């Protein structure tokens, strides 16, 4: 897997702070738990590896863990934020998502 090195870091440092977001601290263990949650969700929803997936999100810890789960699942990730709302339809069309 492409992100094995990253998952190893998360595993080895589960109790350490990884992200501070909106004045709340999230540990590597939290990210690892959410990553595993998203991996199960992708499998349960039958998202095929190689799928083009729109990730419309902020930069929250939950979005970060989903991003890495999508990468690990071999998805092609198209990240979008609210800043592109006016062009969102066109961007989704171009991405064939």
PDB file of N, CA and C in Angstrom:
ATOM      1  N   UNK A   1       0.836  -1.194   0.000  1.00  0.00           N
ATOM      2  CA  UNK A   1       0.000   0.000   0.000  1.00  0.00           C
ATOM      3  C   UNK A   1       0.873   1.246   0.000  1.00  0.00           C
ATOM      4  N   UNK A   2       0.377   2.246  -0.644  1.00  0.00           N
ATOM      5  CA  UNK A   2       1.118   3.492  -0.799  1.00  0.00           C
ATOM      6  C   UNK A   2       1.319   4.207   0.532  1.00  0.00           C
ATOM      7  N   UNK A   3       0.370   4.083   1.426  1.00  0.00           N
ATOM      8  CA  UNK A   3       0.457   4.853   2.683  1.00  0.00           C
ATOM      9  C   UNK A   3       0.837   3.989   3.883  1.00  0.00           C
ATOM     10  N   UNK A   4       1.405   2.819   3.663  1.00  0.00           N
ATOM     11  CA  UNK A   4       1.802   1.953   4.779  1.00  0.00           C
ATOM     12  C   UNK A   4       2.708   2.670   5.777  1.00  0.00           C
ATOM     13  N   UNK A   5       3.649   3.457   5.261  1.00  0.00           N
ATOM     14  CA  UNK A   5       4.563   4.174   6.146  1.00  0.00           C
ATOM     15  C   UNK A   5       3.803   5.125   7.065  1.00  0.00           C
ATOM     16  N   UNK A   6       2.781   5.758   6.537  1.00  0.00           N
ATOM     17  CA  UNK A   6       1.986   6.706   7.312  1.00  0.00           C
ATOM     18  C   UNK A   6       1.167   5.979   8.371  1.00  0.00           C
ATOM     19  N   UNK A   7       0.558   4.876   7.993  1.00  0.00           N
ATOM     20  CA  UNK A   7      -0.217   4.093   8.960  1.00  0.00           C
ATOM     21  C   UNK A   7       0.672   3.569  10.081  1.00  0.00           C
ATOM     22  N   UNK A   8       1.919   3.237   9.753  1.00  0.00           N
ATOM     23  CA  UNK A   8       2.847   2.781  10.781  1.00  0.00           C
ATOM     24  C   UNK A   8       3.153   3.903  11.766  1.00  0.00           C
ATOM     25  N   UNK A   9       3.318   5.108  11.255  1.00  0.00           N
ATOM     26  CA  UNK A   9       3.555   6.265  12.132  1.00  0.00           C
ATOM     27  C   UNK A   9       2.350   6.485  13.037  1.00  0.00           C
ATOM     28  N   UNK A  10       1.148   6.404  12.467  1.00  0.00           N
ATOM     29  CA  UNK A  10      -0.063   6.577  13.271  1.00  0.00           C
ATOM     30  C   UNK A  10      -0.152   5.499  14.341  1.00  0.00           C
ATOM     31  N   UNK A  11       0.169   4.276  13.979  1.00  0.00           N
ATOM     32  CA  UNK A  11       0.105   3.155  14.924  1.00  0.00           C
ATOM     33  C   UNK A  11       1.132   3.318  16.041  1.00  0.00           C
ATOM     34  N   UNK A  12       2.341   3.708  15.678  1.00  0.00           N
ATOM     35  CA  UNK A  12       3.420   3.851  16.663  1.00  0.00           C
ATOM     36  C   UNK A  12       3.225   5.044  17.596  1.00  0.00           C
ATOM     37  N   UNK A  13       2.388   5.990  17.201  1.00  0.00           N
ATOM     38  CA  UNK A  13       2.226   7.225  17.973  1.00  0.00           C
ATOM     39  C   UNK A  13       0.773   7.495  18.352  1.00  0.00           C
ATOM     40  N   UNK A  14       0.015   6.451  18.619  1.00  0.00           N
ATOM     41  CA  UNK A  14      -1.429   6.585  18.809  1.00  0.00           C
ATOM     42  C   UNK A  14      -1.835   7.599  19.868  1.00  0.00           C
ATOM     43  N   UNK A  15      -1.047   7.760  20.901  1.00  0.00           N
ATOM     44  CA  UNK A  15      -1.425   8.667  21.989  1.00  0.00           C
ATOM     45  C   UNK A  15      -0.896  10.084  21.800  1.00  0.00           C
ATOM     46  N   UNK A  16      -0.160  10.315  20.745  1.00  0.00           N
ATOM     47  CA  UNK A  16       0.403  11.641  20.509  1.00  0.00           C
ATOM     48  C   UNK A  16      -0.552  12.509  19.700  1.00  0.00           C
ATOM     49  N   UNK A  17      -0.442  13.811  19.882  1.00  0.00           N
ATOM     50  CA  UNK A  17      -1.268  14.763  19.145  1.00  0.00           C
ATOM     51  C   UNK A  17      -0.873  14.775  17.676  1.00  0.00           C
ATOM     52  N   UNK A  18      -1.866  14.737  16.806  1.00  0.00           N
ATOM     53  CA  UNK A  18      -1.615  14.756  15.371  1.00  0.00           C
ATOM     54  C   UNK A  18      -2.112  16.049  14.735  1.00  0.00           C
ATOM     55  N   UNK A  19      -3.315  16.462  15.123  1.00  0.00           N
ATOM     56  CA  UNK A  19      -3.959  17.621  14.506  1.00  0.00           C
ATOM     57  C   UNK A  19      -4.664  18.433  15.577  1.00  0.00           C
ATOM     58  N   UNK A  20      -4.553  19.729  15.476  1.00  0.00           N
ATOM     59  CA  UNK A  20      -5.376  20.618  16.286  1.00  0.00           C
ATOM     60  C   UNK A  20      -6.303  21.324  15.309  1.00  0.00           C
ATOM     61  N   UNK A  21      -7.600  21.154  15.523  1.00  0.00           N
ATOM     62  CA  UNK A  21      -8.587  21.723  14.617  1.00  0.00           C
ATOM     63  C   UNK A  21      -9.719  22.299  15.448  1.00  0.00           C
ATOM     64  N   UNK A  22     -10.009  23.575  15.194  1.00  0.00           N
ATOM     65  CA  UNK A  22     -11.044  24.286  15.941  1.00  0.00           C
ATOM     66  C   UNK A  22     -10.858  24.147  17.450  1.00  0.00           C
ATOM     67  N   UNK A  23      -9.621  24.348  17.855  1.00  0.00           N
ATOM     68  CA  UNK A  23      -9.226  24.348  19.264  1.00  0.00           C
ATOM     69  C   UNK A  23      -9.422  22.996  19.951  1.00  0.00           C
ATOM     70  N   UNK A  24      -9.485  21.929  19.183  1.00  0.00           N
ATOM     71  CA  UNK A  24      -9.592  20.575  19.739  1.00  0.00           C
ATOM     72  C   UNK A  24      -8.431  19.746  19.203  1.00  0.00           C
ATOM     73  N   UNK A  25      -7.883  18.896  20.064  1.00  0.00           N
ATOM     74  CA  UNK A  25      -6.751  18.059  19.699  1.00  0.00           C
ATOM     75  C   UNK A  25      -7.228  16.672  19.283  1.00  0.00           C
ATOM     76  N   UNK A  26      -6.638  16.164  18.221  1.00  0.00           N
ATOM     77  CA  UNK A  26      -6.934  14.826  17.723  1.00  0.00           C
ATOM     78  C   UNK A  26      -5.628  14.047  17.664  1.00  0.00           C
ATOM     79  N   UNK A  27      -5.649  12.817  18.171  1.00  0.00           N
ATOM     80  CA  UNK A  27      -4.443  12.001  18.219  1.00  0.00           C
ATOM     81  C   UNK A  27      -4.299  11.159  16.952  1.00  0.00           C
ATOM     82  N   UNK A  28      -3.115  10.600  16.805  1.00  0.00           N
ATOM     83  CA  UNK A  28      -2.893   9.668  15.700  1.00  0.00           C
ATOM     84  C   UNK A  28      -3.804   8.453  15.845  1.00  0.00           C
ATOM     85  N   UNK A  29      -4.060   8.037  17.070  1.00  0.00           N
ATOM     86  CA  UNK A  29      -4.981   6.920  17.304  1.00  0.00           C
ATOM     87  C   UNK A  29      -6.383   7.245  16.824  1.00  0.00           C
ATOM     88  N   UNK A  30      -6.811   8.464  17.051  1.00  0.00           N
ATOM     89  CA  UNK A  30      -8.136   8.892  16.566  1.00  0.00           C
ATOM     90  C   UNK A  30      -8.165   8.831  15.048  1.00  0.00           C
ATOM     91  N   UNK A  31      -7.115   9.361  14.398  1.00  0.00           N
ATOM     92  CA  UNK A  31      -7.045   9.316  12.936  1.00  0.00           C
ATOM     93  C   UNK A  31      -7.060   7.876  12.431  1.00  0.00           C
ATOM     94  N   UNK A  32      -6.336   7.003  13.111  1.00  0.00           N
ATOM     95  CA  UNK A  32      -6.289   5.597  12.717  1.00  0.00           C
ATOM     96  C   UNK A  32      -7.660   4.944  12.850  1.00  0.00           C
ATOM     97  N   UNK A  33      -8.363   5.226  13.943  1.00  0.00           N
ATOM     98  CA  UNK A  33      -9.720   4.690  14.125  1.00  0.00           C
ATOM     99  C   UNK A  33     -10.656   5.172  13.020  1.00  0.00           C
ATOM    100  N   UNK A  34     -10.618   6.459  12.695  1.00  0.00           N
ATOM    101  CA  UNK A  34     -11.490   6.999  11.645  1.00  0.00           C
ATOM    102  C   UNK A  34     -11.083   6.457  10.271  1.00  0.00           C
ATOM    103  N   UNK A  35      -9.796   6.298  10.040  1.00  0.00           N
ATOM    104  CA  UNK A  35      -9.316   5.708   8.798  1.00  0.00           C
ATOM    105  C   UNK A  35      -9.920   4.309   8.626  1.00  0.00           C
ATOM    106  N   UNK A  36      -9.852   3.505   9.683  1.00  0.00           N
ATOM    107  CA  UNK A  36     -10.407   2.151   9.625  1.00  0.00           C
ATOM    108  C   UNK A  36     -11.918   2.183   9.435  1.00  0.00           C
ATOM    109  N   UNK A  37     -12.594   3.129  10.074  1.00  0.00           N
ATOM    110  CA  UNK A  37     -14.038   3.309   9.867  1.00  0.00           C
ATOM    111  C   UNK A  37     -14.332   3.584   8.393  1.00  0.00           C
ATOM    112  N   UNK A  38     -13.590   4.511   7.802  1.00  0.00           N
ATOM    113  CA  UNK A  38     -13.827   4.868   6.403  1.00  0.00           C
ATOM    114  C   UNK A  38     -13.484   3.722   5.467  1.00  0.00           C
ATOM    115  N   UNK A  39     -12.445   2.943   5.783  1.00  0.00           N
ATOM    116  CA  UNK A  39     -12.118   1.777   4.955  1.00  0.00           C
ATOM    117  C   UNK A  39     -13.291   0.798   4.933  1.00  0.00           C
ATOM    118  N   UNK A  40     -13.872   0.545   6.111  1.00  0.00           N
ATOM    119  CA  UNK A  40     -15.043  -0.352   6.182  1.00  0.00           C
ATOM    120  C   UNK A  40     -16.214   0.233   5.404  1.00  0.00           C
ATOM    121  N   UNK A  41     -16.420   1.532   5.523  1.00  0.00           N
ATOM    122  CA  UNK A  41     -17.521   2.188   4.817  1.00  0.00           C
ATOM    123  C   UNK A  41     -17.345   2.063   3.306  1.00  0.00           C
ATOM    124  N   UNK A  42     -16.151   2.272   2.815  1.00  0.00           N
ATOM    125  CA  UNK A  42     -15.894   2.140   1.376  1.00  0.00           C
ATOM    126  C   UNK A  42     -16.193   0.723   0.894  1.00  0.00           C
ATOM    127  N   UNK A  43     -15.798  -0.252   1.687  1.00  0.00           N
ATOM    128  CA  UNK A  43     -16.072  -1.648   1.321  1.00  0.00           C
ATOM    129  C   UNK A  43     -17.568  -1.944   1.396  1.00  0.00           C
ATOM    130  N   UNK A  44     -18.225  -1.496   2.458  1.00  0.00           N
ATOM    131  CA  UNK A  44     -19.664  -1.743   2.626  1.00  0.00           C
ATOM    132  C   UNK A  44     -20.489  -1.070   1.535  1.00  0.00           C
ATOM    133  N   UNK A  45     -20.049   0.095   1.093  1.00  0.00           N
ATOM    134  CA  UNK A  45     -20.754   0.827   0.043  1.00  0.00           C
ATOM    135  C   UNK A  45     -20.353   0.361  -1.356  1.00  0.00           C
ATOM    136  N   UNK A  46     -19.443  -0.596  -1.389  1.00  0.00           N
ATOM    137  CA  UNK A  46     -18.970  -1.180  -2.654  1.00  0.00           C
ATOM    138  C   UNK A  46     -18.386  -0.132  -3.615  1.00  0.00           C
ATOM    139  N   UNK A  47     -17.598   0.766  -3.040  1.00  0.00           N
ATOM    140  CA  UNK A  47     -16.868   1.722  -3.860  1.00  0.00           C
ATOM    141  C   UNK A  47     -15.680   0.968  -4.462  1.00  0.00           C
ATOM    142  N   UNK A  48     -15.647   0.873  -5.766  1.00  0.00           N
ATOM    143  CA  UNK A  48     -14.609   0.098  -6.439  1.00  0.00           C
ATOM    144  C   UNK A  48     -13.270   0.820  -6.406  1.00  0.00           C
ATOM    145  N   UNK A  49     -12.189   0.089  -6.186  1.00  0.00           N
ATOM    146  CA  UNK A  49     -10.863   0.707  -6.330  1.00  0.00           C
ATOM    147  C   UNK A  49     -10.742   1.314  -7.727  1.00  0.00           C
ATOM    148  N   UNK A  50     -10.107   2.457  -7.796  1.00  0.00           N
ATOM    149  CA  UNK A  50      -9.967   3.150  -9.068  1.00  0.00           C
ATOM    150  C   UNK A  50     -11.090   4.123  -9.370  1.00  0.00           C
ATOM    151  N   UNK A  51     -12.127   4.124  -8.536  1.00  0.00           N
ATOM    152  CA  UNK A  51     -13.239   5.053  -8.735  1.00  0.00           C
ATOM    153  C   UNK A  51     -12.766   6.490  -8.554  1.00  0.00           C
ATOM    154  N   UNK A  52     -13.365   7.382  -9.330  1.00  0.00           N
ATOM    155  CA  UNK A  52     -13.125   8.811  -9.153  1.00  0.00           C
ATOM    156  C   UNK A  52     -14.134   9.291  -8.113  1.00  0.00           C
ATOM    157  N   UNK A  53     -13.632   9.852  -7.034  1.00  0.00           N
ATOM    158  CA  UNK A  53     -14.482  10.231  -5.905  1.00  0.00           C
ATOM    159  C   UNK A  53     -14.288  11.710  -5.580  1.00  0.00           C
ATOM    160  N   UNK A  54     -15.389  12.427  -5.505  1.00  0.00           N
ATOM    161  CA  UNK A  54     -15.358  13.829  -5.067  1.00  0.00           C
ATOM    162  C   UNK A  54     -15.329  13.843  -3.544  1.00  0.00           C
ATOM    163  N   UNK A  55     -14.371  14.536  -2.982  1.00  0.00           N
ATOM    164  CA  UNK A  55     -14.305  14.731  -1.533  1.00  0.00           C
ATOM    165  C   UNK A  55     -14.562  16.210  -1.282  1.00  0.00           C
ATOM    166  N   UNK A  56     -15.829  16.520  -1.018  1.00  0.00           N
ATOM    167  CA  UNK A  56     -16.210  17.901  -0.749  1.00  0.00           C
ATOM    168  C   UNK A  56     -16.205  18.077   0.758  1.00  0.00           C
ATOM    169  N   UNK A  57     -15.151  18.731   1.246  1.00  0.00           N
ATOM    170  CA  UNK A  57     -14.976  18.811   2.690  1.00  0.00           C
ATOM    171  C   UNK A  57     -14.067  19.972   3.040  1.00  0.00           C
ATOM    172  N   UNK A  58     -14.034  20.254   4.327  1.00  0.00           N
ATOM    173  CA  UNK A  58     -13.085  21.214   4.854  1.00  0.00           C
ATOM    174  C   UNK A  58     -11.798  20.428   5.156  1.00  0.00           C
ATOM    175  N   UNK A  59     -10.959  20.961   5.949  1.00  0.00           N
ATOM    176  CA  UNK A  59      -9.719  20.281   6.296  1.00  0.00           C
ATOM    177  C   UNK A  59      -9.807  19.690   7.702  1.00  0.00           C
ATOM    178  N   UNK A  60     -10.963  19.146   8.034  1.00  0.00           N
ATOM    179  CA  UNK A  60     -11.179  18.563   9.356  1.00  0.00           C
ATOM    180  C   UNK A  60     -10.417  17.249   9.497  1.00  0.00           C
ATOM    181  N   UNK A  61     -10.174  16.810  10.728  1.00  0.00           N
ATOM    182  CA  UNK A  61      -9.537  15.508  10.932  1.00  0.00           C
ATOM    183  C   UNK A  61     -10.329  14.367  10.294  1.00  0.00           C
ATOM    184  N   UNK A  62     -11.635  14.449  10.304  1.00  0.00           N
ATOM    185  CA  UNK A  62     -12.453  13.425   9.678  1.00  0.00           C
ATOM    186  C   UNK A  62     -12.212  13.391   8.165  1.00  0.00           C
ATOM    187  N   UNK A  63     -12.144  14.558   7.546  1.00  0.00           N
ATOM    188  CA  UNK A  63     -11.878  14.632   6.104  1.00  0.00           C
ATOM    189  C   UNK A  63     -10.473  14.120   5.789  1.00  0.00           C
ATOM    190  N   UNK A  64      -9.513  14.408   6.657  1.00  0.00           N
ATOM    191  CA  UNK A  64      -8.141  13.918   6.461  1.00  0.00           C
ATOM    192  C   UNK A  64      -8.122  12.395   6.485  1.00  0.00           C
ATOM    193  N   UNK A  65      -8.801  11.801   7.454  1.00  0.00           N
ATOM    194  CA  UNK A  65      -8.815  10.335   7.549  1.00  0.00           C
ATOM    195  C   UNK A  65      -9.549   9.718   6.361  1.00  0.00           C
ATOM    196  N   UNK A  66     -10.620  10.342   5.892  1.00  0.00           N
ATOM    197  CA  UNK A  66     -11.323   9.853   4.710  1.00  0.00           C
ATOM    198  C   UNK A  66     -10.433   9.975   3.474  1.00  0.00           C
ATOM    199  N   UNK A  67      -9.731  11.077   3.331  1.00  0.00           N
ATOM    200  CA  UNK A  67      -8.817  11.269   2.200  1.00  0.00           C
ATOM    201  C   UNK A  67      -7.814  10.119   2.119  1.00  0.00           C
ATOM    202  N   UNK A  68      -7.196   9.776   3.253  1.00  0.00           N
ATOM    203  CA  UNK A  68      -6.211   8.704   3.248  1.00  0.00           C
ATOM    204  C   UNK A  68      -6.844   7.328   3.036  1.00  0.00           C
ATOM    205  N   UNK A  69      -8.068   7.135   3.517  1.00  0.00           N
ATOM    206  CA  UNK A  69      -8.767   5.873   3.252  1.00  0.00           C
ATOM    207  C   UNK A  69      -9.063   5.737   1.759  1.00  0.00           C
ATOM    208  N   UNK A  70      -9.451   6.823   1.125  1.00  0.00           N
ATOM    209  CA  UNK A  70      -9.698   6.804  -0.323  1.00  0.00           C
ATOM    210  C   UNK A  70      -8.411   6.512  -1.083  1.00  0.00           C
ATOM    211  N   UNK A  71      -7.312   7.132  -0.685  1.00  0.00           N
ATOM    212  CA  UNK A  71      -6.030   6.849  -1.327  1.00  0.00           C
ATOM    213  C   UNK A  71      -5.645   5.386  -1.150  1.00  0.00           C
ATOM    214  N   UNK A  72      -5.810   4.884   0.055  1.00  0.00           N
ATOM    215  CA  UNK A  72      -5.465   3.496   0.343  1.00  0.00           C
ATOM    216  C   UNK A  72      -6.342   2.530  -0.458  1.00  0.00           C
ATOM    217  N   UNK A  73      -7.537   2.956  -0.778  1.00  0.00           N
ATOM    218  CA  UNK A  73      -8.490   2.148  -1.543  1.00  0.00           C
ATOM    219  C   UNK A  73      -8.260   2.309  -3.052  1.00  0.00           C
ATOM    220  N   UNK A  74      -7.203   3.017  -3.416  1.00  0.00           N
ATOM    221  CA  UNK A  74      -6.814   3.247  -4.812  1.00  0.00           C
ATOM    222  C   UNK A  74      -7.835   4.085  -5.579  1.00  0.00           C
ATOM    223  N   UNK A  75      -8.551   4.934  -4.866  1.00  0.00           N
ATOM    224  CA  UNK A  75      -9.489   5.837  -5.528  1.00  0.00           C
ATOM    225  C   UNK A  75      -8.742   7.061  -6.061  1.00  0.00           C
ATOM    226  N   UNK A  76      -9.321   7.666  -7.060  1.00  0.00           N
ATOM    227  CA  UNK A  76      -8.820   8.933  -7.569  1.00  0.00           C
ATOM    228  C   UNK A  76      -9.630  10.006  -6.846  1.00  0.00           C
ATOM    229  N   UNK A  77      -8.962  10.788  -6.030  1.00  0.00           N
ATOM    230  CA  UNK A  77      -9.642  11.743  -5.161  1.00  0.00           C
ATOM    231  C   UNK A  77      -9.618  13.132  -5.786  1.00  0.00           C
ATOM    232  N   UNK A  78     -10.799  13.747  -5.866  1.00  0.00           N
ATOM    233  CA  UNK A  78     -10.940  15.113  -6.356  1.00  0.00           C
ATOM    234  C   UNK A  78     -11.427  15.953  -5.172  1.00  0.00           C
ATOM    235  N   UNK A  79     -10.492  16.614  -4.472  1.00  0.00           N
ATOM    236  CA  UNK A  79     -10.907  17.415  -3.315  1.00  0.00           C
ATOM    237  C   UNK A  79     -11.524  18.741  -3.743  1.00  0.00           C
ATOM    238  N   UNK A  80     -12.654  19.071  -3.161  1.00  0.00           N
ATOM    239  CA  UNK A  80     -13.326  20.347  -3.422  1.00  0.00           C
ATOM    240  C   UNK A  80     -13.644  21.022  -2.088  1.00  0.00           C
ATOM    241  N   UNK A  81     -13.599  22.332  -2.104  1.00  0.00           N
ATOM    242  CA  UNK A  81     -13.999  23.107  -0.932  1.00  0.00           C
ATOM    243  C   UNK A  81     -15.100  24.074  -1.352  1.00  0.00           C
ATOM    244  N   UNK A  82     -15.659  24.740  -0.384  1.00  0.00           N
ATOM    245  CA  UNK A  82     -16.709  25.713  -0.652  1.00  0.00           C
ATOM    246  C   UNK A  82     -16.246  26.855  -1.538  1.00  0.00           C
ATOM    247  N   UNK A  83     -14.940  27.059  -1.649  1.00  0.00           N
ATOM    248  CA  UNK A  83     -14.406  28.154  -2.451  1.00  0.00           C
ATOM    249  C   UNK A  83     -14.681  27.977  -3.942  1.00  0.00           C
ATOM    250  N   UNK A  84     -15.032  26.771  -4.361  1.00  0.00           N
ATOM    251  CA  UNK A  84     -15.273  26.523  -5.795  1.00  0.00           C
ATOM    252  C   UNK A  84     -16.741  26.266  -6.098  1.00  0.00           C
ATOM    253  N   UNK A  85     -17.617  26.655  -5.193  1.00  0.00           N
ATOM    254  CA  UNK A  85     -19.053  26.389  -5.381  1.00  0.00           C
ATOM    255  C   UNK A  85     -19.586  26.862  -6.730  1.00  0.00           C
ATOM    256  N   UNK A  86     -19.137  27.989  -7.194  1.00  0.00           N
ATOM    257  CA  UNK A  86     -19.644  28.527  -8.449  1.00  0.00           C
ATOM    258  C   UNK A  86     -19.266  27.654  -9.644  1.00  0.00           C
ATOM    259  N   UNK A  87     -18.168  26.910  -9.529  1.00  0.00           N
ATOM    260  CA  UNK A  87     -17.689  26.060 -10.631  1.00  0.00           C
ATOM    261  C   UNK A  87     -17.795  24.577 -10.314  1.00  0.00           C
ATOM    262  N   UNK A  88     -18.445  24.235  -9.211  1.00  0.00           N
ATOM    263  CA  UNK A  88     -18.455  22.849  -8.756  1.00  0.00           C
ATOM    264  C   UNK A  88     -18.991  21.884  -9.810  1.00  0.00           C
ATOM    265  N   UNK A  89     -20.110  22.216 -10.440  1.00  0.00           N
ATOM    266  CA  UNK A  89     -20.683  21.336 -11.449  1.00  0.00           C
ATOM    267  C   UNK A  89     -19.731  21.061 -12.592  1.00  0.00           C
ATOM    268  N   UNK A  90     -19.065  22.100 -13.056  1.00  0.00           N
ATOM    269  CA  UNK A  90     -18.106  21.944 -14.155  1.00  0.00           C
ATOM    270  C   UNK A  90     -16.920  21.093 -13.731  1.00  0.00           C
ATOM    271  N   UNK A  91     -16.443  21.299 -12.516  1.00  0.00           N
ATOM    272  CA  UNK A  91     -15.307  20.522 -12.034  1.00  0.00           C
ATOM    273  C   UNK A  91     -15.661  19.039 -11.888  1.00  0.00           C
ATOM    274  N   UNK A  92     -16.841  18.757 -11.401  1.00  0.00           N
ATOM    275  CA  UNK A  92     -17.282  17.372 -11.259  1.00  0.00           C
ATOM    276  C   UNK A  92     -17.406  16.726 -12.645  1.00  0.00           C
ATOM    277  N   UNK A  93     -17.927  17.474 -13.593  1.00  0.00           N
ATOM    278  CA  UNK A  93     -18.064  16.974 -14.958  1.00  0.00           C
ATOM    279  C   UNK A  93     -16.695  16.660 -15.575  1.00  0.00           C
ATOM    280  N   UNK A  94     -15.743  17.567 -15.406  1.00  0.00           N
ATOM    281  CA  UNK A  94     -14.402  17.359 -15.943  1.00  0.00           C
ATOM    282  C   UNK A  94     -13.749  16.143 -15.308  1.00  0.00           C
ATOM    283  N   UNK A  95     -13.985  15.945 -14.017  1.00  0.00           N
ATOM    284  CA  UNK A  95     -13.372  14.823 -13.294  1.00  0.00           C
ATOM    285  C   UNK A  95     -14.039  13.490 -13.592  1.00  0.00           C
ATOM    286  N   UNK A  96     -15.220  13.530 -14.211  1.00  0.00           N
ATOM    287  CA  UNK A  96     -16.000  12.316 -14.477  1.00  0.00           C
ATOM    288  C   UNK A  96     -16.272  11.553 -13.186  1.00  0.00           C
ATOM    289  N   UNK A  97     -16.671  12.289 -12.189  1.00  0.00           N
ATOM    290  CA  UNK A  97     -16.934  11.677 -10.878  1.00  0.00           C
ATOM    291  C   UNK A  97     -18.403  11.394 -10.695  1.00  0.00           C
TER     292      UNK A  97
END
